[in-house]
Amino acid sequence: MNAEKFLYHGCSDVAALNITQDYFNRSFAGKNGTVYGNGVYFSSMASYSHSYAVPNKHGKRCMFYARVLVGHTTSGDTTMKVCPQNYQTTTDGEHIYVTYHDTQAYRQYLICYK
């Protein structure tokens, strides 16, 4: 089992500021959908997370490169508010991982770009 992965999380510059102050807070989860569960979404593909990196009025986008404790994964669905017992994340089975605990991810790097 690979318990830790480096994954991407795209967001607005306002969300990036909140994440730098409050980490990946699940109370903001669900703003961009809950297809694989109501948690914080990460992807192993920067190109996927780029679509969630909403540009500000100057065209700047933000994306985190985060250390995520993935642990045991299971398929997620839109009804999930927490992971099933014995699992730590839900997934699409390819590149998306959803966390359900605020301390499950560490914001390693904030990448800002145009």
PDB file of N, CA and C in Angstrom:
ATOM      1  N   MET A   1       0.837  -1.180   0.000  1.00  0.00           N
ATOM      2  CA  MET A   1       0.000   0.000   0.000  1.00  0.00           C
ATOM      3  C   MET A   1       0.883   1.245   0.000  1.00  0.00           C
ATOM      4  N   ASN A   2       0.591   2.184  -0.879  1.00  0.00           N
ATOM      5  CA  ASN A   2       1.273   3.471  -0.907  1.00  0.00           C
ATOM      6  C   ASN A   2       0.424   4.446  -0.105  1.00  0.00           C
ATOM      7  N   ALA A   3       0.800   4.691   1.137  1.00  0.00           N
ATOM      8  CA  ALA A   3      -0.026   5.480   2.047  1.00  0.00           C
ATOM      9  C   ALA A   3       0.001   6.974   1.748  1.00  0.00           C
ATOM     10  N   GLU A   4       1.081   7.464   1.143  1.00  0.00           N
ATOM     11  CA  GLU A   4       1.207   8.890   0.878  1.00  0.00           C
ATOM     12  C   GLU A   4       1.455   9.129  -0.603  1.00  0.00           C
ATOM     13  N   LYS A   5       0.765  10.132  -1.163  1.00  0.00           N
ATOM     14  CA  LYS A   5       0.961  10.505  -2.564  1.00  0.00           C
ATOM     15  C   LYS A   5       1.106  12.015  -2.659  1.00  0.00           C
ATOM     16  N   PHE A   6       1.839  12.459  -3.669  1.00  0.00           N
ATOM     17  CA  PHE A   6       1.894  13.875  -4.000  1.00  0.00           C
ATOM     18  C   PHE A   6       0.838  14.115  -5.069  1.00  0.00           C
ATOM     19  N   LEU A   7      -0.122  14.989  -4.761  1.00  0.00           N
ATOM     20  CA  LEU A   7      -1.260  15.224  -5.640  1.00  0.00           C
ATOM     21  C   LEU A   7      -1.505  16.718  -5.801  1.00  0.00           C
ATOM     22  N   TYR A   8      -2.279  17.079  -6.815  1.00  0.00           N
ATOM     23  CA  TYR A   8      -2.582  18.475  -7.132  1.00  0.00           C
ATOM     24  C   TYR A   8      -3.990  18.846  -6.683  1.00  0.00           C
ATOM     25  N   HIS A   9      -4.151  20.128  -6.325  1.00  0.00           N
ATOM     26  CA  HIS A   9      -5.461  20.670  -5.959  1.00  0.00           C
ATOM     27  C   HIS A   9      -5.560  22.072  -6.543  1.00  0.00           C
ATOM     28  N   GLY A  10      -6.365  22.249  -7.578  1.00  0.00           N
ATOM     29  CA  GLY A  10      -6.560  23.553  -8.201  1.00  0.00           C
ATOM     30  C   GLY A  10      -7.657  24.327  -7.495  1.00  0.00           C
ATOM     31  N   CYS A  11      -7.484  25.653  -7.400  1.00  0.00           N
ATOM     32  CA  CYS A  11      -8.471  26.477  -6.699  1.00  0.00           C
ATOM     33  C   CYS A  11      -8.315  27.938  -7.128  1.00  0.00           C
ATOM     34  N   SER A  12      -9.215  28.787  -6.643  1.00  0.00           N
ATOM     35  CA  SER A  12      -9.100  30.222  -6.895  1.00  0.00           C
ATOM     36  C   SER A  12      -8.011  30.812  -6.000  1.00  0.00           C
ATOM     37  N   ASP A  13      -7.617  32.044  -6.282  1.00  0.00           N
ATOM     38  CA  ASP A  13      -6.603  32.673  -5.432  1.00  0.00           C
ATOM     39  C   ASP A  13      -7.144  32.946  -4.027  1.00  0.00           C
ATOM     40  N   VAL A  14      -8.441  33.212  -3.915  1.00  0.00           N
ATOM     41  CA  VAL A  14      -9.057  33.422  -2.601  1.00  0.00           C
ATOM     42  C   VAL A  14      -9.037  32.118  -1.802  1.00  0.00           C
ATOM     43  N   ALA A  15      -9.396  31.011  -2.450  1.00  0.00           N
ATOM     44  CA  ALA A  15      -9.349  29.703  -1.781  1.00  0.00           C
ATOM     45  C   ALA A  15      -7.913  29.358  -1.391  1.00  0.00           C
ATOM     46  N   ALA A  16      -6.948  29.699  -2.244  1.00  0.00           N
ATOM     47  CA  ALA A  16      -5.538  29.417  -1.937  1.00  0.00           C
ATOM     48  C   ALA A  16      -5.112  30.143  -0.663  1.00  0.00           C
ATOM     49  N   LEU A  17      -5.545  31.386  -0.514  1.00  0.00           N
ATOM     50  CA  LEU A  17      -5.231  32.140   0.702  1.00  0.00           C
ATOM     51  C   LEU A  17      -5.848  31.458   1.925  1.00  0.00           C
ATOM     52  N   ASN A  18      -7.095  31.026   1.806  1.00  0.00           N
ATOM     53  CA  ASN A  18      -7.755  30.319   2.915  1.00  0.00           C
ATOM     54  C   ASN A  18      -7.025  29.026   3.257  1.00  0.00           C
ATOM     55  N   ILE A  19      -6.586  28.297   2.243  1.00  0.00           N
ATOM     56  CA  ILE A  19      -5.887  27.026   2.472  1.00  0.00           C
ATOM     57  C   ILE A  19      -4.541  27.264   3.145  1.00  0.00           C
ATOM     58  N   THR A  20      -3.850  28.338   2.777  1.00  0.00           N
ATOM     59  CA  THR A  20      -2.561  28.621   3.424  1.00  0.00           C
ATOM     60  C   THR A  20      -2.752  28.987   4.893  1.00  0.00           C
ATOM     61  N   GLN A  21      -3.931  29.518   5.233  1.00  0.00           N
ATOM     62  CA  GLN A  21      -4.210  29.885   6.628  1.00  0.00           C
ATOM     63  C   GLN A  21      -4.859  28.750   7.415  1.00  0.00           C
ATOM     64  N   ASP A  22      -5.763  28.010   6.771  1.00  0.00           N
ATOM     65  CA  ASP A  22      -6.574  27.010   7.480  1.00  0.00           C
ATOM     66  C   ASP A  22      -6.411  25.595   6.946  1.00  0.00           C
ATOM     67  N   TYR A  23      -5.424  25.360   6.109  1.00  0.00           N
ATOM     68  CA  TYR A  23      -5.214  24.040   5.498  1.00  0.00           C
ATOM     69  C   TYR A  23      -6.405  23.681   4.607  1.00  0.00           C
ATOM     70  N   PHE A  24      -6.564  22.417   4.303  1.00  0.00           N
ATOM     71  CA  PHE A  24      -7.649  21.949   3.440  1.00  0.00           C
ATOM     72  C   PHE A  24      -8.871  21.674   4.318  1.00  0.00           C
ATOM     73  N   ASN A  25      -9.668  22.696   4.542  1.00  0.00           N
ATOM     74  CA  ASN A  25     -10.807  22.646   5.442  1.00  0.00           C
ATOM     75  C   ASN A  25     -12.025  22.071   4.716  1.00  0.00           C
ATOM     76  N   ARG A  26     -12.545  20.963   5.208  1.00  0.00           N
ATOM     77  CA  ARG A  26     -13.682  20.298   4.559  1.00  0.00           C
ATOM     78  C   ARG A  26     -14.976  21.096   4.614  1.00  0.00           C
ATOM     79  N   SER A  27     -15.054  22.109   5.458  1.00  0.00           N
ATOM     80  CA  SER A  27     -16.289  22.896   5.509  1.00  0.00           C
ATOM     81  C   SER A  27     -16.527  23.641   4.199  1.00  0.00           C
ATOM     82  N   PHE A  28     -15.482  23.768   3.369  1.00  0.00           N
ATOM     83  CA  PHE A  28     -15.628  24.391   2.056  1.00  0.00           C
ATOM     84  C   PHE A  28     -15.828  23.354   0.955  1.00  0.00           C
ATOM     85  N   ALA A  29     -15.843  22.085   1.311  1.00  0.00           N
ATOM     86  CA  ALA A  29     -15.968  21.005   0.324  1.00  0.00           C
ATOM     87  C   ALA A  29     -17.325  21.061  -0.361  1.00  0.00           C
ATOM     88  N   GLY A  30     -17.338  20.590  -1.603  1.00  0.00           N
ATOM     89  CA  GLY A  30     -18.586  20.517  -2.351  1.00  0.00           C
ATOM     90  C   GLY A  30     -18.876  21.717  -3.216  1.00  0.00           C
ATOM     91  N   LYS A  31     -18.000  22.710  -3.209  1.00  0.00           N
ATOM     92  CA  LYS A  31     -18.218  23.906  -4.027  1.00  0.00           C
ATOM     93  C   LYS A  31     -18.178  23.588  -5.519  1.00  0.00           C
ATOM     94  N   ASN A  32     -17.397  22.588  -5.902  1.00  0.00           N
ATOM     95  CA  ASN A  32     -17.252  22.227  -7.312  1.00  0.00           C
ATOM     96  C   ASN A  32     -17.755  20.823  -7.613  1.00  0.00           C
ATOM     97  N   GLY A  33     -18.626  20.301  -6.772  1.00  0.00           N
ATOM     98  CA  GLY A  33     -19.192  18.982  -7.032  1.00  0.00           C
ATOM     99  C   GLY A  33     -18.817  17.955  -5.988  1.00  0.00           C
ATOM    100  N   THR A  34     -19.586  16.870  -5.989  1.00  0.00           N
ATOM    101  CA  THR A  34     -19.385  15.800  -5.012  1.00  0.00           C
ATOM    102  C   THR A  34     -19.539  14.432  -5.667  1.00  0.00           C
ATOM    103  N   VAL A  35     -19.083  14.295  -6.885  1.00  0.00           N
ATOM    104  CA  VAL A  35     -19.271  13.056  -7.645  1.00  0.00           C
ATOM    105  C   VAL A  35     -18.714  11.842  -6.914  1.00  0.00           C
ATOM    106  N   TYR A  36     -17.545  11.984  -6.276  1.00  0.00           N
ATOM    107  CA  TYR A  36     -16.900  10.849  -5.598  1.00  0.00           C
ATOM    108  C   TYR A  36     -16.923  10.990  -4.082  1.00  0.00           C
ATOM    109  N   GLY A  37     -17.791  11.873  -3.572  1.00  0.00           N
ATOM    110  CA  GLY A  37     -17.919  12.070  -2.142  1.00  0.00           C
ATOM    111  C   GLY A  37     -17.789  13.536  -1.764  1.00  0.00           C
ATOM    112  N   ASN A  38     -18.266  13.873  -0.577  1.00  0.00           N
ATOM    113  CA  ASN A  38     -18.254  15.253  -0.105  1.00  0.00           C
ATOM    114  C   ASN A  38     -17.003  15.497   0.738  1.00  0.00           C
ATOM    115  N   GLY A  39     -15.887  15.675   0.061  1.00  0.00           N
ATOM    116  CA  GLY A  39     -14.611  15.911   0.717  1.00  0.00           C
ATOM    117  C   GLY A  39     -13.763  16.844  -0.121  1.00  0.00           C
ATOM    118  N   VAL A  40     -12.476  16.861   0.143  1.00  0.00           N
ATOM    119  CA  VAL A  40     -11.530  17.697  -0.601  1.00  0.00           C
ATOM    120  C   VAL A  40     -10.923  16.854  -1.709  1.00  0.00           C
ATOM    121  N   TYR A  41     -10.952  17.381  -2.931  1.00  0.00           N
ATOM    122  CA  TYR A  41     -10.536  16.638  -4.122  1.00  0.00           C
ATOM    123  C   TYR A  41      -9.094  16.942  -4.509  1.00  0.00           C
ATOM    124  N   PHE A  42      -8.378  15.895  -4.871  1.00  0.00           N
ATOM    125  CA  PHE A  42      -7.004  15.986  -5.354  1.00  0.00           C
ATOM    126  C   PHE A  42      -6.885  15.115  -6.593  1.00  0.00           C
ATOM    127  N   SER A  43      -5.894  15.413  -7.421  1.00  0.00           N
ATOM    128  CA  SER A  43      -5.650  14.604  -8.612  1.00  0.00           C
ATOM    129  C   SER A  43      -4.155  14.393  -8.805  1.00  0.00           C
ATOM    130  N   SER A  44      -3.810  13.259  -9.381  1.00  0.00           N
ATOM    131  CA  SER A  44      -2.412  13.003  -9.730  1.00  0.00           C
ATOM    132  C   SER A  44      -2.046  13.709 -11.032  1.00  0.00           C
ATOM    133  N   MET A  45      -3.037  14.299 -11.703  1.00  0.00           N
ATOM    134  CA  MET A  45      -2.819  14.974 -12.987  1.00  0.00           C
ATOM    135  C   MET A  45      -2.974  16.485 -12.829  1.00  0.00           C
ATOM    136  N   ALA A  46      -1.886  17.225 -13.008  1.00  0.00           N
ATOM    137  CA  ALA A  46      -1.946  18.684 -12.917  1.00  0.00           C
ATOM    138  C   ALA A  46      -2.902  19.252 -13.958  1.00  0.00           C
ATOM    139  N   SER A  47      -2.967  18.633 -15.128  1.00  0.00           N
ATOM    140  CA  SER A  47      -3.854  19.129 -16.185  1.00  0.00           C
ATOM    141  C   SER A  47      -5.320  19.066 -15.762  1.00  0.00           C
ATOM    142  N   TYR A  48      -5.685  18.074 -14.969  1.00  0.00           N
ATOM    143  CA  TYR A  48      -7.058  17.970 -14.466  1.00  0.00           C
ATOM    144  C   TYR A  48      -7.311  19.061 -13.421  1.00  0.00           C
ATOM    145  N   SER A  49      -6.396  19.212 -12.474  1.00  0.00           N
ATOM    146  CA  SER A  49      -6.559  20.217 -11.422  1.00  0.00           C
ATOM    147  C   SER A  49      -6.522  21.631 -11.987  1.00  0.00           C
ATOM    148  N   HIS A  50      -5.857  21.818 -13.118  1.00  0.00           N
ATOM    149  CA  HIS A  50      -5.805  23.126 -13.779  1.00  0.00           C
ATOM    150  C   HIS A  50      -7.213  23.649 -14.068  1.00  0.00           C
ATOM    151  N   SER A  51      -8.134  22.758 -14.414  1.00  0.00           N
ATOM    152  CA  SER A  51      -9.496  23.200 -14.745  1.00  0.00           C
ATOM    153  C   SER A  51     -10.225  23.771 -13.526  1.00  0.00           C
ATOM    154  N   TYR A  52      -9.751  23.488 -12.321  1.00  0.00           N
ATOM    155  CA  TYR A  52     -10.336  24.038 -11.098  1.00  0.00           C
ATOM    156  C   TYR A  52      -9.552  25.227 -10.572  1.00  0.00           C
ATOM    157  N   ALA A  53      -8.437  25.542 -11.199  1.00  0.00           N
ATOM    158  CA  ALA A  53      -7.620  26.698 -10.827  1.00  0.00           C
ATOM    159  C   ALA A  53      -8.202  27.918 -11.541  1.00  0.00           C
ATOM    160  N   VAL A  54      -9.220  28.503 -10.939  1.00  0.00           N
ATOM    161  CA  VAL A  54      -9.973  29.599 -11.547  1.00  0.00           C
ATOM    162  C   VAL A  54      -9.099  30.843 -11.630  1.00  0.00           C
ATOM    163  N   PRO A  55      -8.944  31.429 -12.837  1.00  0.00           N
ATOM    164  CA  PRO A  55      -8.097  32.625 -12.951  1.00  0.00           C
ATOM    165  C   PRO A  55      -8.745  33.841 -12.286  1.00  0.00           C
ATOM    166  N   ASN A  56      -7.914  34.670 -11.654  1.00  0.00           N
ATOM    167  CA  ASN A  56      -8.433  35.920 -11.101  1.00  0.00           C
ATOM    168  C   ASN A  56      -8.494  36.960 -12.220  1.00  0.00           C
ATOM    169  N   LYS A  57      -8.801  38.206 -11.893  1.00  0.00           N
ATOM    170  CA  LYS A  57      -8.980  39.236 -12.929  1.00  0.00           C
ATOM    171  C   LYS A  57      -7.691  39.545 -13.683  1.00  0.00           C
ATOM    172  N   HIS A  58      -6.546  39.133 -13.146  1.00  0.00           N
ATOM    173  CA  HIS A  58      -5.260  39.330 -13.812  1.00  0.00           C
ATOM    174  C   HIS A  58      -4.802  38.077 -14.552  1.00  0.00           C
ATOM    175  N   GLY A  59      -5.620  37.038 -14.533  1.00  0.00           N
ATOM    176  CA  GLY A  59      -5.286  35.793 -15.222  1.00  0.00           C
ATOM    177  C   GLY A  59      -4.427  34.836 -14.414  1.00  0.00           C
ATOM    178  N   LYS A  60      -4.179  35.164 -13.141  1.00  0.00           N
ATOM    179  CA  LYS A  60      -3.360  34.296 -12.282  1.00  0.00           C
ATOM    180  C   LYS A  60      -4.195  33.121 -11.785  1.00  0.00           C
ATOM    181  N   ARG A  61      -3.608  31.937 -11.841  1.00  0.00           N
ATOM    182  CA  ARG A  61      -4.238  30.716 -11.338  1.00  0.00           C
ATOM    183  C   ARG A  61      -3.399  30.168 -10.190  1.00  0.00           C
ATOM    184  N   CYS A  62      -4.044  29.364  -9.329  1.00  0.00           N
ATOM    185  CA  CYS A  62      -3.351  28.764  -8.190  1.00  0.00           C
ATOM    186  C   CYS A  62      -3.624  27.270  -8.124  1.00  0.00           C
ATOM    187  N   MET A  63      -2.584  26.539  -7.775  1.00  0.00           N
ATOM    188  CA  MET A  63      -2.694  25.092  -7.621  1.00  0.00           C
ATOM    189  C   MET A  63      -1.719  24.662  -6.529  1.00  0.00           C
ATOM    190  N   PHE A  64      -2.188  23.794  -5.660  1.00  0.00           N
ATOM    191  CA  PHE A  64      -1.314  23.236  -4.632  1.00  0.00           C
ATOM    192  C   PHE A  64      -0.754  21.901  -5.090  1.00  0.00           C
ATOM    193  N   TYR A  65       0.500  21.675  -4.731  1.00  0.00           N
ATOM    194  CA  TYR A  65       1.123  20.354  -4.851  1.00  0.00           C
ATOM    195  C   TYR A  65       1.202  19.879  -3.413  1.00  0.00           C
ATOM    196  N   ALA A  66       0.378  18.904  -3.064  1.00  0.00           N
ATOM    197  CA  ALA A  66       0.179  18.535  -1.669  1.00  0.00           C
ATOM    198  C   ALA A  66       0.604  17.104  -1.376  1.00  0.00           C
ATOM    199  N   ARG A  67       1.030  16.895  -0.146  1.00  0.00           N
ATOM    200  CA  ARG A  67       1.281  15.537   0.361  1.00  0.00           C
ATOM    201  C   ARG A  67      -0.021  15.058   0.973  1.00  0.00           C
ATOM    202  N   VAL A  68      -0.562  13.984   0.424  1.00  0.00           N
ATOM    203  CA  VAL A  68      -1.873  13.494   0.844  1.00  0.00           C
ATOM    204  C   VAL A  68      -1.736  12.078   1.392  1.00  0.00           C
ATOM    205  N   LEU A  69      -2.280  11.868   2.581  1.00  0.00           N
ATOM    206  CA  LEU A  69      -2.332  10.523   3.153  1.00  0.00           C
ATOM    207  C   LEU A  69      -3.515   9.803   2.524  1.00  0.00           C
ATOM    208  N   VAL A  70      -3.221   8.969   1.544  1.00  0.00           N
ATOM    209  CA  VAL A  70      -4.261   8.286   0.778  1.00  0.00           C
ATOM    210  C   VAL A  70      -4.731   7.027   1.498  1.00  0.00           C
ATOM    211  N   GLY A  71      -3.808   6.242   2.001  1.00  0.00           N
ATOM    212  CA  GLY A  71      -4.177   5.013   2.701  1.00  0.00           C
ATOM    213  C   GLY A  71      -4.938   4.051   1.814  1.00  0.00           C
ATOM    214  N   HIS A  72      -5.907   3.361   2.386  1.00  0.00           N
ATOM    215  CA  HIS A  72      -6.752   2.441   1.618  1.00  0.00           C
ATOM    216  C   HIS A  72      -7.849   3.238   0.919  1.00  0.00           C
ATOM    217  N   THR A  73      -8.044   2.984  -0.362  1.00  0.00           N
ATOM    218  CA  THR A  73      -9.044   3.716  -1.136  1.00  0.00           C
ATOM    219  C   THR A  73     -10.191   2.800  -1.541  1.00  0.00           C
ATOM    220  N   THR A  74     -11.328   3.427  -1.790  1.00  0.00           N
ATOM    221  CA  THR A  74     -12.498   2.722  -2.303  1.00  0.00           C
ATOM    222  C   THR A  74     -13.215   3.645  -3.273  1.00  0.00           C
ATOM    223  N   SER A  75     -14.044   3.101  -4.119  1.00  0.00           N
ATOM    224  CA  SER A  75     -14.806   3.923  -5.060  1.00  0.00           C
ATOM    225  C   SER A  75     -15.742   4.845  -4.299  1.00  0.00           C
ATOM    226  N   GLY A  76     -15.783   6.086  -4.738  1.00  0.00           N
ATOM    227  CA  GLY A  76     -16.644   7.066  -4.088  1.00  0.00           C
ATOM    228  C   GLY A  76     -17.918   7.297  -4.874  1.00  0.00           C
ATOM    229  N   ASP A  77     -18.906   7.886  -4.205  1.00  0.00           N
ATOM    230  CA  ASP A  77     -20.125   8.310  -4.899  1.00  0.00           C
ATOM    231  C   ASP A  77     -20.665   9.569  -4.236  1.00  0.00           C
ATOM    232  N   THR A  78     -21.598  10.190  -4.889  1.00  0.00           N
ATOM    233  CA  THR A  78     -22.088  11.502  -4.486  1.00  0.00           C
ATOM    234  C   THR A  78     -22.760  11.531  -3.113  1.00  0.00           C
ATOM    235  N   THR A  79     -23.167  10.388  -2.583  1.00  0.00           N
ATOM    236  CA  THR A  79     -23.859  10.355  -1.288  1.00  0.00           C
ATOM    237  C   THR A  79     -22.909  10.310  -0.099  1.00  0.00           C
ATOM    238  N   MET A  80     -21.631  10.085  -0.321  1.00  0.00           N
ATOM    239  CA  MET A  80     -20.683   9.872   0.780  1.00  0.00           C
ATOM    240  C   MET A  80     -20.308  11.170   1.483  1.00  0.00           C
ATOM    241  N   LYS A  81     -20.481  11.171   2.800  1.00  0.00           N
ATOM    242  CA  LYS A  81     -20.055  12.291   3.642  1.00  0.00           C
ATOM    243  C   LYS A  81     -18.782  11.931   4.405  1.00  0.00           C
ATOM    244  N   VAL A  82     -18.569  10.640   4.614  1.00  0.00           N
ATOM    245  CA  VAL A  82     -17.365  10.103   5.250  1.00  0.00           C
ATOM    246  C   VAL A  82     -16.968   8.836   4.503  1.00  0.00           C
ATOM    247  N   CYS A  83     -15.744   8.405   4.723  1.00  0.00           N
ATOM    248  CA  CYS A  83     -15.276   7.155   4.111  1.00  0.00           C
ATOM    249  C   CYS A  83     -15.884   5.958   4.832  1.00  0.00           C
ATOM    250  N   PRO A  84     -16.111   4.877   4.103  1.00  0.00           N
ATOM    251  CA  PRO A  84     -16.536   3.650   4.776  1.00  0.00           C
ATOM    252  C   PRO A  84     -15.444   3.175   5.741  1.00  0.00           C
ATOM    253  N   GLN A  85     -15.841   2.383   6.708  1.00  0.00           N
ATOM    254  CA  GLN A  85     -14.900   1.844   7.692  1.00  0.00           C
ATOM    255  C   GLN A  85     -13.755   1.120   6.984  1.00  0.00           C
ATOM    256  N   ASN A  86     -12.550   1.271   7.499  1.00  0.00           N
ATOM    257  CA  ASN A  86     -11.309   0.665   6.993  1.00  0.00           C
ATOM    258  C   ASN A  86     -10.770   1.322   5.722  1.00  0.00           C
ATOM    259  N   TYR A  87     -11.328   2.450   5.306  1.00  0.00           N
ATOM    260  CA  TYR A  87     -10.827   3.202   4.152  1.00  0.00           C
ATOM    261  C   TYR A  87     -10.531   4.632   4.589  1.00  0.00           C
ATOM    262  N   GLN A  88      -9.555   5.254   3.915  1.00  0.00           N
ATOM    263  CA  GLN A  88      -9.178   6.621   4.253  1.00  0.00           C
ATOM    264  C   GLN A  88      -9.555   7.631   3.169  1.00  0.00           C
ATOM    265  N   THR A  89      -9.684   7.178   1.927  1.00  0.00           N
ATOM    266  CA  THR A  89     -10.055   8.071   0.830  1.00  0.00           C
ATOM    267  C   THR A  89     -10.981   7.348  -0.131  1.00  0.00           C
ATOM    268  N   THR A  90     -11.713   8.160  -0.906  1.00  0.00           N
ATOM    269  CA  THR A  90     -12.471   7.602  -2.024  1.00  0.00           C
ATOM    270  C   THR A  90     -11.781   8.041  -3.308  1.00  0.00           C
ATOM    271  N   THR A  91     -12.112   7.374  -4.402  1.00  0.00           N
ATOM    272  CA  THR A  91     -11.404   7.608  -5.656  1.00  0.00           C
ATOM    273  C   THR A  91     -12.302   7.306  -6.849  1.00  0.00           C
ATOM    274  N   ASP A  92     -11.870   7.786  -8.001  1.00  0.00           N
ATOM    275  CA  ASP A  92     -12.529   7.411  -9.254  1.00  0.00           C
ATOM    276  C   ASP A  92     -11.883   6.170  -9.849  1.00  0.00           C
ATOM    277  N   GLY A  93     -10.847   5.655  -9.196  1.00  0.00           N
ATOM    278  CA  GLY A  93     -10.138   4.473  -9.680  1.00  0.00           C
ATOM    279  C   GLY A  93      -9.029   4.797 -10.658  1.00  0.00           C
ATOM    280  N   GLU A  94      -8.847   6.074 -10.965  1.00  0.00           N
ATOM    281  CA  GLU A  94      -7.808   6.482 -11.913  1.00  0.00           C
ATOM    282  C   GLU A  94      -6.870   7.524 -11.309  1.00  0.00           C
ATOM    283  N   HIS A  95      -7.346   8.782 -11.198  1.00  0.00           N
ATOM    284  CA  HIS A  95      -6.438   9.850 -10.767  1.00  0.00           C
ATOM    285  C   HIS A  95      -7.023  10.775  -9.708  1.00  0.00           C
ATOM    286  N   ILE A  96      -8.284  10.623  -9.365  1.00  0.00           N
ATOM    287  CA  ILE A  96      -8.926  11.500  -8.389  1.00  0.00           C
ATOM    288  C   ILE A  96      -8.967  10.816  -7.024  1.00  0.00           C
ATOM    289  N   TYR A  97      -8.613  11.590  -5.978  1.00  0.00           N
ATOM    290  CA  TYR A  97      -8.666  11.107  -4.597  1.00  0.00           C
ATOM    291  C   TYR A  97      -9.415  12.141  -3.764  1.00  0.00           C
ATOM    292  N   VAL A  98     -10.284  11.674  -2.888  1.00  0.00           N
ATOM    293  CA  VAL A  98     -11.080  12.556  -2.040  1.00  0.00           C
ATOM    294  C   VAL A  98     -10.755  12.255  -0.580  1.00  0.00           C
ATOM    295  N   THR A  99     -10.377  13.310   0.165  1.00  0.00           N
ATOM    296  CA  THR A  99     -10.070  13.153   1.587  1.00  0.00           C
ATOM    297  C   THR A  99     -11.251  13.630   2.425  1.00  0.00           C
ATOM    298  N   TYR A 100     -11.353  13.093   3.638  1.00  0.00           N
ATOM    299  CA  TYR A 100     -12.481  13.401   4.515  1.00  0.00           C
ATOM    300  C   TYR A 100     -12.055  13.919   5.881  1.00  0.00           C
ATOM    301  N   HIS A 101     -10.762  14.111   6.088  1.00  0.00           N
ATOM    302  CA  HIS A 101     -10.242  14.661   7.345  1.00  0.00           C
ATOM    303  C   HIS A 101      -9.367  15.863   7.009  1.00  0.00           C
ATOM    304  N   ASP A 102      -9.567  16.950   7.728  1.00  0.00           N
ATOM    305  CA  ASP A 102      -8.841  18.189   7.438  1.00  0.00           C
ATOM    306  C   ASP A 102      -7.331  18.039   7.531  1.00  0.00           C
ATOM    307  N   THR A 103      -6.846  17.122   8.348  1.00  0.00           N
ATOM    308  CA  THR A 103      -5.401  16.952   8.529  1.00  0.00           C
ATOM    309  C   THR A 103      -4.816  15.868   7.630  1.00  0.00           C
ATOM    310  N   GLN A 104      -5.573  15.418   6.660  1.00  0.00           N
ATOM    311  CA  GLN A 104      -5.135  14.322   5.789  1.00  0.00           C
ATOM    312  C   GLN A 104      -4.223  14.794   4.653  1.00  0.00           C
ATOM    313  N   ALA A 105      -4.151  16.101   4.441  1.00  0.00           N
ATOM    314  CA  ALA A 105      -3.316  16.640   3.363  1.00  0.00           C
ATOM    315  C   ALA A 105      -2.501  17.817   3.887  1.00  0.00           C
ATOM    316  N   TYR A 106      -1.274  17.913   3.396  1.00  0.00           N
ATOM    317  CA  TYR A 106      -0.379  19.010   3.758  1.00  0.00           C
ATOM    318  C   TYR A 106      -0.031  19.786   2.497  1.00  0.00           C
ATOM    319  N   ARG A 107      -0.214  21.073   2.534  1.00  0.00           N
ATOM    320  CA  ARG A 107       0.067  21.924   1.377  1.00  0.00           C
ATOM    321  C   ARG A 107       1.576  22.114   1.225  1.00  0.00           C
ATOM    322  N   GLN A 108       2.199  21.253   0.451  1.00  0.00           N
ATOM    323  CA  GLN A 108       3.651  21.268   0.274  1.00  0.00           C
ATOM    324  C   GLN A 108       4.101  22.521  -0.481  1.00  0.00           C
ATOM    325  N   TYR A 109       3.483  22.782  -1.636  1.00  0.00           N
ATOM    326  CA  TYR A 109       3.838  23.942  -2.461  1.00  0.00           C
ATOM    327  C   TYR A 109       2.581  24.588  -3.010  1.00  0.00           C
ATOM    328  N   LEU A 110       2.596  25.913  -3.088  1.00  0.00           N
ATOM    329  CA  LEU A 110       1.558  26.664  -3.784  1.00  0.00           C
ATOM    330  C   LEU A 110       2.165  27.146  -5.091  1.00  0.00           C
ATOM    331  N   ILE A 111       1.565  26.761  -6.194  1.00  0.00           N
ATOM    332  CA  ILE A 111       2.044  27.133  -7.522  1.00  0.00           C
ATOM    333  C   ILE A 111       1.079  28.174  -8.075  1.00  0.00           C
ATOM    334  N   CYS A 112       1.578  29.369  -8.376  1.00  0.00           N
ATOM    335  CA  CYS A 112       0.764  30.423  -8.984  1.00  0.00           C
ATOM    336  C   CYS A 112       1.325  30.688 -10.372  1.00  0.00           C
ATOM    337  N   TYR A 113       0.439  30.796 -11.346  1.00  0.00           N
ATOM    338  CA  TYR A 113       0.890  30.898 -12.737  1.00  0.00           C
ATOM    339  C   TYR A 113      -0.164  31.581 -13.595  1.00  0.00           C
ATOM    340  N   LYS A 114       0.271  31.984 -14.791  1.00  0.00           N
ATOM    341  CA  LYS A 114      -0.633  32.570 -15.793  1.00  0.00           C
ATOM    342  C   LYS A 114      -0.644  31.702 -17.016  1.00  0.00           C
TER     343      LYS A 114
END
